[in-house]
Amino acid sequence: MTVDRSELSSLNSLLLQVHDRVSTMAKLASDAKDEESAYELYNIERHLSTANHRMERLLSTK
């Protein structure tokens, strides 16, 4: 089975959108002094960033 490059590209775009939304929420939580939520959201943001980098790496090899 081959991996559909256009599907990967679409998923990568979605990852970027989710990353941006989570980043915004993390900043808002931090500004509101909701440290617990900010901490968790920044961790999620970091994982989404890692996923995005891995997806971009995969796209560059196909």
Protein backbone atom coordinates (compact mmCIF):
# COMPACT_ATOMS: atom_id res chain seq x y z
CA MET A 1 0.00 0.00 0.00
CA THR A 2 1.33 3.42 -0.91
CA VAL A 3 0.73 6.55 1.10
CA ASP A 4 -1.34 9.22 -0.62
CA ARG A 5 0.80 12.37 -0.65
CA SER A 6 -2.20 14.68 -1.10
CA GLU A 7 -3.87 13.09 1.94
CA LEU A 8 -0.70 13.60 3.99
CA SER A 9 -0.54 17.22 2.88
CA SER A 10 -4.17 17.74 3.86
CA LEU A 11 -3.57 16.17 7.27
CA ASN A 12 -0.51 18.37 7.73
CA SER A 13 -2.62 21.46 7.07
CA LEU A 14 -5.15 20.31 9.65
CA LEU A 15 -2.37 19.71 12.17
CA LEU A 16 -1.14 23.26 11.64
CA GLN A 17 -4.65 24.66 12.16
CA VAL A 18 -5.15 22.68 15.35
CA HIS A 19 -1.69 23.73 16.56
CA ASP A 20 -2.53 27.39 16.01
CA ARG A 21 -5.86 27.08 17.82
CA VAL A 22 -4.29 25.29 20.79
CA SER A 23 -1.52 27.92 20.90
CA THR A 24 -4.12 30.68 21.08
CA MET A 25 -5.98 28.88 23.85
CA ALA A 26 -2.75 28.31 25.79
CA LYS A 27 -1.89 32.00 25.58
CA LEU A 28 -5.37 32.99 26.72
CA ALA A 29 -5.21 30.55 29.64
CA SER A 30 -1.80 31.88 30.61
CA ASP A 31 -2.99 35.50 30.43
CA ALA A 32 -5.99 34.55 32.59
CA LYS A 33 -3.61 32.97 35.17
CA ASP A 34 -5.19 29.56 34.59
CA GLU A 35 -1.83 27.87 35.02
CA GLU A 36 -3.12 24.29 35.02
CA SER A 37 -4.91 24.68 31.71
CA ALA A 38 -2.04 26.68 30.22
CA TYR A 39 0.44 23.97 31.24
CA GLU A 40 -1.61 21.22 29.62
CA LEU A 41 -2.32 23.25 26.49
CA TYR A 42 1.36 24.12 26.04
CA ASN A 43 2.19 20.40 26.33
CA ILE A 44 -0.42 19.60 23.69
CA GLU A 45 1.00 22.39 21.52
CA ARG A 46 4.46 20.87 21.82
CA HIS A 47 3.22 17.43 20.79
CA LEU A 48 1.34 18.89 17.82
CA SER A 49 4.50 20.70 16.76
CA THR A 50 6.44 17.44 16.92
CA ALA A 51 3.73 15.69 14.89
CA ASN A 52 3.86 18.47 12.32
CA HIS A 53 7.65 18.19 11.98
CA ARG A 54 7.41 14.44 11.55
CA MET A 55 4.68 14.82 8.94
CA GLU A 56 6.77 17.40 7.04
CA ARG A 57 9.74 15.02 7.16
CA LEU A 58 7.56 12.25 5.76
CA LEU A 59 6.24 14.52 3.02
CA SER A 60 9.75 15.52 2.00
CA THR A 61 10.74 11.88 1.49
CA LYS A 62 7.77 10.91 -0.69
